[in-house]
Amino acid sequence: MIKTITLKFSLIFIFFLNLSLHSQDLAINEIMASNDDVVADEEGDYEDWIEIFNYGNTAINLDGFGLTDDSADLFQWVFPAYIIQQ
């Protein structure tokens, strides 16, 4: 439970830290951390995931946004250039 809470906080903190510099229209709607056997992807794997929603009127490129669960490595995973439509 502690690891899941820490992971969620870290993901949200890093995402919104970058978000505050770029746009106020994106939000993390859902997080699935420690997905051992709840929701399988297309290949049948149980990956952790987040859902990001664009509440604004303009498409937003996620290029450069990052996620982490390690405060020593703030951009452990960096989004590729991917545009979220409004």
PDB file of N, CA and C in Angstrom:
ATOM      1  N   MET A   1       0.815  -1.190   0.000  1.00  0.00           N
ATOM      2  CA  MET A   1       0.000   0.000   0.000  1.00  0.00           C
ATOM      3  C   MET A   1       0.859   1.255   0.000  1.00  0.00           C
ATOM      4  N   ILE A   2       1.919   1.304   0.789  1.00  0.00           N
ATOM      5  CA  ILE A   2       2.797   2.477   0.855  1.00  0.00           C
ATOM      6  C   ILE A   2       3.433   2.718  -0.508  1.00  0.00           C
ATOM      7  N   LYS A   3       3.933   1.661  -1.164  1.00  0.00           N
ATOM      8  CA  LYS A   3       4.567   1.826  -2.465  1.00  0.00           C
ATOM      9  C   LYS A   3       3.566   2.359  -3.481  1.00  0.00           C
ATOM     10  N   THR A   4       2.340   1.851  -3.472  1.00  0.00           N
ATOM     11  CA  THR A   4       1.325   2.326  -4.405  1.00  0.00           C
ATOM     12  C   THR A   4       1.023   3.794  -4.173  1.00  0.00           C
ATOM     13  N   ILE A   5       0.866   4.206  -2.932  1.00  0.00           N
ATOM     14  CA  ILE A   5       0.586   5.607  -2.627  1.00  0.00           C
ATOM     15  C   ILE A   5       1.764   6.477  -3.048  1.00  0.00           C
ATOM     16  N   THR A   6       2.991   6.048  -2.759  1.00  0.00           N
ATOM     17  CA  THR A   6       4.174   6.804  -3.154  1.00  0.00           C
ATOM     18  C   THR A   6       4.260   6.919  -4.660  1.00  0.00           C
ATOM     19  N   LEU A   7       4.015   5.824  -5.368  1.00  0.00           N
ATOM     20  CA  LEU A   7       4.051   5.836  -6.826  1.00  0.00           C
ATOM     21  C   LEU A   7       3.012   6.797  -7.366  1.00  0.00           C
ATOM     22  N   LYS A   8       1.786   6.732  -6.870  1.00  0.00           N
ATOM     23  CA  LYS A   8       0.737   7.633  -7.342  1.00  0.00           C
ATOM     24  C   LYS A   8       1.119   9.083  -7.089  1.00  0.00           C
ATOM     25  N   PHE A   9       1.609   9.392  -5.893  1.00  0.00           N
ATOM     26  CA  PHE A   9       2.003  10.757  -5.576  1.00  0.00           C
ATOM     27  C   PHE A   9       3.124  11.214  -6.499  1.00  0.00           C
ATOM     28  N   SER A  10       4.122  10.380  -6.703  1.00  0.00           N
ATOM     29  CA  SER A  10       5.255  10.746  -7.563  1.00  0.00           C
ATOM     30  C   SER A  10       4.798  10.992  -8.985  1.00  0.00           C
ATOM     31  N   LEU A  11       3.960  10.113  -9.514  1.00  0.00           N
ATOM     32  CA  LEU A  11       3.468  10.279 -10.878  1.00  0.00           C
ATOM     33  C   LEU A  11       2.702  11.586 -11.014  1.00  0.00           C
ATOM     34  N   ILE A  12       1.817  11.805 -10.082  1.00  0.00           N
ATOM     35  CA  ILE A  12       1.000  13.018 -10.143  1.00  0.00           C
ATOM     36  C   ILE A  12       1.865  14.258  -9.961  1.00  0.00           C
ATOM     37  N   PHE A  13       2.784  14.248  -9.017  1.00  0.00           N
ATOM     38  CA  PHE A  13       3.630  15.401  -8.755  1.00  0.00           C
ATOM     39  C   PHE A  13       4.466  15.769  -9.981  1.00  0.00           C
ATOM     40  N   ILE A  14       5.159  14.798 -10.550  1.00  0.00           N
ATOM     41  CA  ILE A  14       6.021  15.078 -11.703  1.00  0.00           C
ATOM     42  C   ILE A  14       5.199  15.509 -12.902  1.00  0.00           C
ATOM     43  N   PHE A  15       4.075  14.854 -13.132  1.00  0.00           N
ATOM     44  CA  PHE A  15       3.238  15.225 -14.262  1.00  0.00           C
ATOM     45  C   PHE A  15       2.747  16.654 -14.118  1.00  0.00           C
ATOM     46  N   PHE A  16       2.234  17.001 -12.938  1.00  0.00           N
ATOM     47  CA  PHE A  16       1.710  18.341 -12.749  1.00  0.00           C
ATOM     48  C   PHE A  16       2.800  19.393 -12.634  1.00  0.00           C
ATOM     49  N   LEU A  17       3.996  19.021 -12.181  1.00  0.00           N
ATOM     50  CA  LEU A  17       5.111  19.950 -12.181  1.00  0.00           C
ATOM     51  C   LEU A  17       5.386  20.395 -13.614  1.00  0.00           C
ATOM     52  N   ASN A  18       5.473  19.445 -14.530  1.00  0.00           N
ATOM     53  CA  ASN A  18       5.684  19.770 -15.933  1.00  0.00           C
ATOM     54  C   ASN A  18       4.446  20.437 -16.514  1.00  0.00           C
ATOM     55  N   LEU A  19       3.280  19.982 -16.146  1.00  0.00           N
ATOM     56  CA  LEU A  19       2.033  20.525 -16.641  1.00  0.00           C
ATOM     57  C   LEU A  19       1.882  21.996 -16.295  1.00  0.00           C
ATOM     58  N   SER A  20       2.289  22.391 -15.107  1.00  0.00           N
ATOM     59  CA  SER A  20       2.138  23.777 -14.689  1.00  0.00           C
ATOM     60  C   SER A  20       2.978  24.720 -15.547  1.00  0.00           C
ATOM     61  N   LEU A  21       4.010  24.194 -16.164  1.00  0.00           N
ATOM     62  CA  LEU A  21       4.846  25.006 -17.030  1.00  0.00           C
ATOM     63  C   LEU A  21       4.314  25.078 -18.459  1.00  0.00           C
ATOM     64  N   HIS A  22       3.389  24.192 -18.825  1.00  0.00           N
ATOM     65  CA  HIS A  22       2.943  24.091 -20.207  1.00  0.00           C
ATOM     66  C   HIS A  22       1.458  24.352 -20.422  1.00  0.00           C
ATOM     67  N   SER A  23       0.616  23.796 -19.585  1.00  0.00           N
ATOM     68  CA  SER A  23      -0.807  23.895 -19.842  1.00  0.00           C
ATOM     69  C   SER A  23      -1.599  23.563 -18.588  1.00  0.00           C
ATOM     70  N   GLN A  24      -2.741  24.147 -18.451  1.00  0.00           N
ATOM     71  CA  GLN A  24      -3.618  23.840 -17.327  1.00  0.00           C
ATOM     72  C   GLN A  24      -4.799  22.979 -17.763  1.00  0.00           C
ATOM     73  N   ASP A  25      -4.763  22.444 -18.965  1.00  0.00           N
ATOM     74  CA  ASP A  25      -5.919  21.736 -19.506  1.00  0.00           C
ATOM     75  C   ASP A  25      -5.817  20.221 -19.451  1.00  0.00           C
ATOM     76  N   LEU A  26      -4.688  19.668 -19.055  1.00  0.00           N
ATOM     77  CA  LEU A  26      -4.542  18.225 -18.956  1.00  0.00           C
ATOM     78  C   LEU A  26      -4.787  17.766 -17.525  1.00  0.00           C
ATOM     79  N   ALA A  27      -5.337  16.569 -17.398  1.00  0.00           N
ATOM     80  CA  ALA A  27      -5.560  15.999 -16.068  1.00  0.00           C
ATOM     81  C   ALA A  27      -5.351  14.492 -16.131  1.00  0.00           C
ATOM     82  N   ILE A  28      -4.818  13.953 -15.059  1.00  0.00           N
ATOM     83  CA  ILE A  28      -4.756  12.503 -14.924  1.00  0.00           C
ATOM     84  C   ILE A  28      -6.097  12.082 -14.335  1.00  0.00           C
ATOM     85  N   ASN A  29      -6.879  11.351 -15.123  1.00  0.00           N
ATOM     86  CA  ASN A  29      -8.200  10.914 -14.682  1.00  0.00           C
ATOM     87  C   ASN A  29      -8.141   9.636 -13.863  1.00  0.00           C
ATOM     88  N   GLU A  30      -7.311   8.690 -14.285  1.00  0.00           N
ATOM     89  CA  GLU A  30      -7.240   7.399 -13.605  1.00  0.00           C
ATOM     90  C   GLU A  30      -5.803   6.926 -13.552  1.00  0.00           C
ATOM     91  N   ILE A  31      -5.490   6.148 -12.525  1.00  0.00           N
ATOM     92  CA  ILE A  31      -4.175   5.524 -12.392  1.00  0.00           C
ATOM     93  C   ILE A  31      -4.390   4.067 -12.017  1.00  0.00           C
ATOM     94  N   MET A  32      -3.670   3.174 -12.692  1.00  0.00           N
ATOM     95  CA  MET A  32      -3.679   1.763 -12.302  1.00  0.00           C
ATOM     96  C   MET A  32      -2.230   1.400 -11.996  1.00  0.00           C
ATOM     97  N   ALA A  33      -1.891   1.415 -10.711  1.00  0.00           N
ATOM     98  CA  ALA A  33      -0.549   1.062 -10.260  1.00  0.00           C
ATOM     99  C   ALA A  33      -0.596  -0.332  -9.642  1.00  0.00           C
ATOM    100  N   SER A  34       0.489  -1.060  -9.763  1.00  0.00           N
ATOM    101  CA  SER A  34       0.559  -2.426  -9.233  1.00  0.00           C
ATOM    102  C   SER A  34      -0.542  -3.289  -9.832  1.00  0.00           C
ATOM    103  N   ASN A  35      -0.667  -3.227 -11.141  1.00  0.00           N
ATOM    104  CA  ASN A  35      -1.685  -3.977 -11.876  1.00  0.00           C
ATOM    105  C   ASN A  35      -1.206  -5.411 -12.081  1.00  0.00           C
ATOM    106  N   ASP A  36      -1.392  -6.245 -11.076  1.00  0.00           N
ATOM    107  CA  ASP A  36      -0.921  -7.629 -11.157  1.00  0.00           C
ATOM    108  C   ASP A  36      -1.893  -8.546 -11.890  1.00  0.00           C
ATOM    109  N   ASP A  37      -3.191  -8.291 -11.768  1.00  0.00           N
ATOM    110  CA  ASP A  37      -4.163  -9.189 -12.389  1.00  0.00           C
ATOM    111  C   ASP A  37      -5.545  -8.557 -12.547  1.00  0.00           C
ATOM    112  N   VAL A  38      -5.591  -7.233 -12.738  1.00  0.00           N
ATOM    113  CA  VAL A  38      -6.876  -6.552 -12.801  1.00  0.00           C
ATOM    114  C   VAL A  38      -7.296  -6.260 -14.240  1.00  0.00           C
ATOM    115  N   VAL A  39      -6.475  -5.513 -14.985  1.00  0.00           N
ATOM    116  CA  VAL A  39      -6.819  -5.121 -16.352  1.00  0.00           C
ATOM    117  C   VAL A  39      -5.665  -5.515 -17.273  1.00  0.00           C
ATOM    118  N   ALA A  40      -5.940  -6.420 -18.209  1.00  0.00           N
ATOM    119  CA  ALA A  40      -4.916  -6.859 -19.169  1.00  0.00           C
ATOM    120  C   ALA A  40      -4.941  -5.965 -20.403  1.00  0.00           C
ATOM    121  N   ASP A  41      -3.765  -5.763 -21.016  1.00  0.00           N
ATOM    122  CA  ASP A  41      -3.706  -5.007 -22.268  1.00  0.00           C
ATOM    123  C   ASP A  41      -3.987  -5.942 -23.447  1.00  0.00           C
ATOM    124  N   GLU A  42      -3.795  -5.427 -24.667  1.00  0.00           N
ATOM    125  CA  GLU A  42      -4.104  -6.179 -25.875  1.00  0.00           C
ATOM    126  C   GLU A  42      -3.317  -7.492 -25.993  1.00  0.00           C
ATOM    127  N   GLU A  43      -2.106  -7.512 -25.425  1.00  0.00           N
ATOM    128  CA  GLU A  43      -1.265  -8.712 -25.487  1.00  0.00           C
ATOM    129  C   GLU A  43      -1.465  -9.639 -24.293  1.00  0.00           C
ATOM    130  N   GLY A  44      -2.366  -9.286 -23.394  1.00  0.00           N
ATOM    131  CA  GLY A  44      -2.619 -10.104 -22.209  1.00  0.00           C
ATOM    132  C   GLY A  44      -1.690  -9.801 -21.040  1.00  0.00           C
ATOM    133  N   ASP A  45      -0.876  -8.737 -21.165  1.00  0.00           N
ATOM    134  CA  ASP A  45       0.025  -8.342 -20.081  1.00  0.00           C
ATOM    135  C   ASP A  45      -0.706  -7.411 -19.117  1.00  0.00           C
ATOM    136  N   TYR A  46      -0.279  -7.426 -17.870  1.00  0.00           N
ATOM    137  CA  TYR A  46      -0.869  -6.577 -16.833  1.00  0.00           C
ATOM    138  C   TYR A  46       0.095  -5.440 -16.523  1.00  0.00           C
ATOM    139  N   GLU A  47       0.037  -4.407 -17.323  1.00  0.00           N
ATOM    140  CA  GLU A  47       0.916  -3.252 -17.183  1.00  0.00           C
ATOM    141  C   GLU A  47       0.244  -2.188 -16.319  1.00  0.00           C
ATOM    142  N   ASP A  48       1.057  -1.391 -15.616  1.00  0.00           N
ATOM    143  CA  ASP A  48       0.539  -0.213 -14.929  1.00  0.00           C
ATOM    144  C   ASP A  48       0.182   0.818 -16.003  1.00  0.00           C
ATOM    145  N   TRP A  49      -0.801   1.673 -15.747  1.00  0.00           N
ATOM    146  CA  TRP A  49      -1.201   2.660 -16.744  1.00  0.00           C
ATOM    147  C   TRP A  49      -1.827   3.884 -16.084  1.00  0.00           C
ATOM    148  N   ILE A  50      -1.887   4.952 -16.861  1.00  0.00           N
ATOM    149  CA  ILE A  50      -2.599   6.160 -16.454  1.00  0.00           C
ATOM    150  C   ILE A  50      -3.495   6.589 -17.604  1.00  0.00           C
ATOM    151  N   GLU A  51      -4.549   7.310 -17.282  1.00  0.00           N
ATOM    152  CA  GLU A  51      -5.412   7.900 -18.299  1.00  0.00           C
ATOM    153  C   GLU A  51      -5.267   9.404 -18.192  1.00  0.00           C
ATOM    154  N   ILE A  52      -4.917  10.047 -19.292  1.00  0.00           N
ATOM    155  CA  ILE A  52      -4.749  11.506 -19.334  1.00  0.00           C
ATOM    156  C   ILE A  52      -5.848  12.074 -20.215  1.00  0.00           C
ATOM    157  N   PHE A  53      -6.503  13.118 -19.745  1.00  0.00           N
ATOM    158  CA  PHE A  53      -7.599  13.739 -20.491  1.00  0.00           C
ATOM    159  C   PHE A  53      -7.286  15.205 -20.733  1.00  0.00           C
ATOM    160  N   ASN A  54      -7.582  15.666 -21.930  1.00  0.00           N
ATOM    161  CA  ASN A  54      -7.391  17.064 -22.306  1.00  0.00           C
ATOM    162  C   ASN A  54      -8.738  17.774 -22.184  1.00  0.00           C
ATOM    163  N   TYR A  55      -8.874  18.635 -21.178  1.00  0.00           N
ATOM    164  CA  TYR A  55     -10.107  19.368 -20.946  1.00  0.00           C
ATOM    165  C   TYR A  55     -10.152  20.687 -21.724  1.00  0.00           C
ATOM    166  N   GLY A  56      -9.075  21.019 -22.391  1.00  0.00           N
ATOM    167  CA  GLY A  56      -9.002  22.299 -23.082  1.00  0.00           C
ATOM    168  C   GLY A  56      -9.566  22.268 -24.482  1.00  0.00           C
ATOM    169  N   ASN A  57      -9.361  23.373 -25.178  1.00  0.00           N
ATOM    170  CA  ASN A  57      -9.844  23.534 -26.548  1.00  0.00           C
ATOM    171  C   ASN A  57      -8.737  23.394 -27.575  1.00  0.00           C
ATOM    172  N   THR A  58      -7.520  23.105 -27.108  1.00  0.00           N
ATOM    173  CA  THR A  58      -6.366  23.013 -27.985  1.00  0.00           C
ATOM    174  C   THR A  58      -5.673  21.676 -27.780  1.00  0.00           C
ATOM    175  N   ALA A  59      -5.229  21.071 -28.878  1.00  0.00           N
ATOM    176  CA  ALA A  59      -4.465  19.826 -28.781  1.00  0.00           C
ATOM    177  C   ALA A  59      -3.152  20.107 -28.049  1.00  0.00           C
ATOM    178  N   ILE A  60      -2.679  19.140 -27.253  1.00  0.00           N
ATOM    179  CA  ILE A  60      -1.453  19.309 -26.473  1.00  0.00           C
ATOM    180  C   ILE A  60      -0.497  18.172 -26.768  1.00  0.00           C
ATOM    181  N   ASN A  61       0.747  18.526 -27.069  1.00  0.00           N
ATOM    182  CA  ASN A  61       1.788  17.540 -27.328  1.00  0.00           C
ATOM    183  C   ASN A  61       2.436  17.146 -26.000  1.00  0.00           C
ATOM    184  N   LEU A  62       2.471  15.848 -25.700  1.00  0.00           N
ATOM    185  CA  LEU A  62       3.055  15.364 -24.443  1.00  0.00           C
ATOM    186  C   LEU A  62       4.578  15.256 -24.489  1.00  0.00           C
ATOM    187  N   ASP A  63       5.194  15.582 -25.619  1.00  0.00           N
ATOM    188  CA  ASP A  63       6.644  15.492 -25.766  1.00  0.00           C
ATOM    189  C   ASP A  63       7.334  16.253 -24.642  1.00  0.00           C
ATOM    190  N   GLY A  64       8.164  15.560 -23.867  1.00  0.00           N
ATOM    191  CA  GLY A  64       8.898  16.191 -22.782  1.00  0.00           C
ATOM    192  C   GLY A  64       8.260  16.035 -21.413  1.00  0.00           C
ATOM    193  N   PHE A  65       6.994  15.623 -21.346  1.00  0.00           N
ATOM    194  CA  PHE A  65       6.377  15.335 -20.059  1.00  0.00           C
ATOM    195  C   PHE A  65       6.987  14.047 -19.526  1.00  0.00           C
ATOM    196  N   GLY A  66       7.099  13.918 -18.218  1.00  0.00           N
ATOM    197  CA  GLY A  66       7.719  12.732 -17.651  1.00  0.00           C
ATOM    198  C   GLY A  66       6.973  12.157 -16.474  1.00  0.00           C
ATOM    199  N   LEU A  67       7.229  10.884 -16.213  1.00  0.00           N
ATOM    200  CA  LEU A  67       6.665  10.168 -15.067  1.00  0.00           C
ATOM    201  C   LEU A  67       7.786   9.464 -14.325  1.00  0.00           C
ATOM    202  N   THR A  68       7.603   9.290 -13.018  1.00  0.00           N
ATOM    203  CA  THR A  68       8.610   8.591 -12.231  1.00  0.00           C
ATOM    204  C   THR A  68       8.016   8.025 -10.952  1.00  0.00           C
ATOM    205  N   ASP A  69       8.718   7.092 -10.363  1.00  0.00           N
ATOM    206  CA  ASP A  69       8.412   6.649  -9.005  1.00  0.00           C
ATOM    207  C   ASP A  69       9.678   6.733  -8.160  1.00  0.00           C
ATOM    208  N   ASP A  70      10.641   7.544  -8.643  1.00  0.00           N
ATOM    209  CA  ASP A  70      11.938   7.686  -7.977  1.00  0.00           C
ATOM    210  C   ASP A  70      12.294   9.167  -7.920  1.00  0.00           C
ATOM    211  N   SER A  71      12.291   9.746  -6.726  1.00  0.00           N
ATOM    212  CA  SER A  71      12.554  11.186  -6.591  1.00  0.00           C
ATOM    213  C   SER A  71      13.963  11.578  -7.025  1.00  0.00           C
ATOM    214  N   ALA A  72      14.871  10.617  -7.149  1.00  0.00           N
ATOM    215  CA  ALA A  72      16.228  10.911  -7.616  1.00  0.00           C
ATOM    216  C   ALA A  72      16.307  10.932  -9.143  1.00  0.00           C
ATOM    217  N   ASP A  73      15.291  10.429  -9.806  1.00  0.00           N
ATOM    218  CA  ASP A  73      15.249  10.377 -11.272  1.00  0.00           C
ATOM    219  C   ASP A  73      13.870  10.868 -11.701  1.00  0.00           C
ATOM    220  N   LEU A  74      13.706  12.190 -11.779  1.00  0.00           N
ATOM    221  CA  LEU A  74      12.388  12.784 -11.984  1.00  0.00           C
ATOM    222  C   LEU A  74      11.758  12.483 -13.334  1.00  0.00           C
ATOM    223  N   PHE A  75      12.538  12.152 -14.319  1.00  0.00           N
ATOM    224  CA  PHE A  75      11.975  11.823 -15.625  1.00  0.00           C
ATOM    225  C   PHE A  75      12.409  10.420 -16.014  1.00  0.00           C
ATOM    226  N   GLN A  76      12.058   9.475 -15.158  1.00  0.00           N
ATOM    227  CA  GLN A  76      12.394   8.075 -15.359  1.00  0.00           C
ATOM    228  C   GLN A  76      11.778   7.560 -16.661  1.00  0.00           C
ATOM    229  N   TRP A  77      10.606   8.019 -16.972  1.00  0.00           N
ATOM    230  CA  TRP A  77       9.948   7.664 -18.232  1.00  0.00           C
ATOM    231  C   TRP A  77       9.448   8.945 -18.854  1.00  0.00           C
ATOM    232  N   VAL A  78       9.875   9.227 -20.086  1.00  0.00           N
ATOM    233  CA  VAL A  78       9.496  10.466 -20.768  1.00  0.00           C
ATOM    234  C   VAL A  78       8.558  10.120 -21.922  1.00  0.00           C
ATOM    235  N   PHE A  79       7.481  10.867 -22.009  1.00  0.00           N
ATOM    236  CA  PHE A  79       6.531  10.652 -23.096  1.00  0.00           C
ATOM    237  C   PHE A  79       7.179  10.960 -24.436  1.00  0.00           C
ATOM    238  N   PRO A  80       6.859  10.185 -25.443  1.00  0.00           N
ATOM    239  CA  PRO A  80       7.284  10.526 -26.802  1.00  0.00           C
ATOM    240  C   PRO A  80       6.387  11.660 -27.322  1.00  0.00           C
ATOM    241  N   ALA A  81       6.685  12.152 -28.485  1.00  0.00           N
ATOM    242  CA  ALA A  81       5.830  13.172 -29.093  1.00  0.00           C
ATOM    243  C   ALA A  81       4.488  12.514 -29.408  1.00  0.00           C
ATOM    244  N   TYR A  82       3.475  12.849 -28.632  1.00  0.00           N
ATOM    245  CA  TYR A  82       2.142  12.302 -28.801  1.00  0.00           C
ATOM    246  C   TYR A  82       1.155  13.420 -28.504  1.00  0.00           C
ATOM    247  N   ILE A  83       0.251  13.654 -29.406  1.00  0.00           N
ATOM    248  CA  ILE A  83      -0.694  14.767 -29.267  1.00  0.00           C
ATOM    249  C   ILE A  83      -2.018  14.246 -28.742  1.00  0.00           C
ATOM    250  N   ILE A  84      -2.484  14.869 -27.648  1.00  0.00           N
ATOM    251  CA  ILE A  84      -3.794  14.559 -27.093  1.00  0.00           C
ATOM    252  C   ILE A  84      -4.759  15.622 -27.594  1.00  0.00           C
ATOM    253  N   GLN A  85      -5.727  15.199 -28.344  1.00  0.00           N
ATOM    254  CA  GLN A  85      -6.719  16.127 -28.907  1.00  0.00           C
ATOM    255  C   GLN A  85      -7.668  16.604 -27.814  1.00  0.00           C
ATOM    256  N   GLN A  86      -8.340  17.721 -28.086  1.00  0.00           N
ATOM    257  CA  GLN A  86      -9.321  18.240 -27.139  1.00  0.00           C
ATOM    258  C   GLN A  86     -10.613  17.462 -27.232  1.00  0.00           C
TER     259      GLN A  86
END
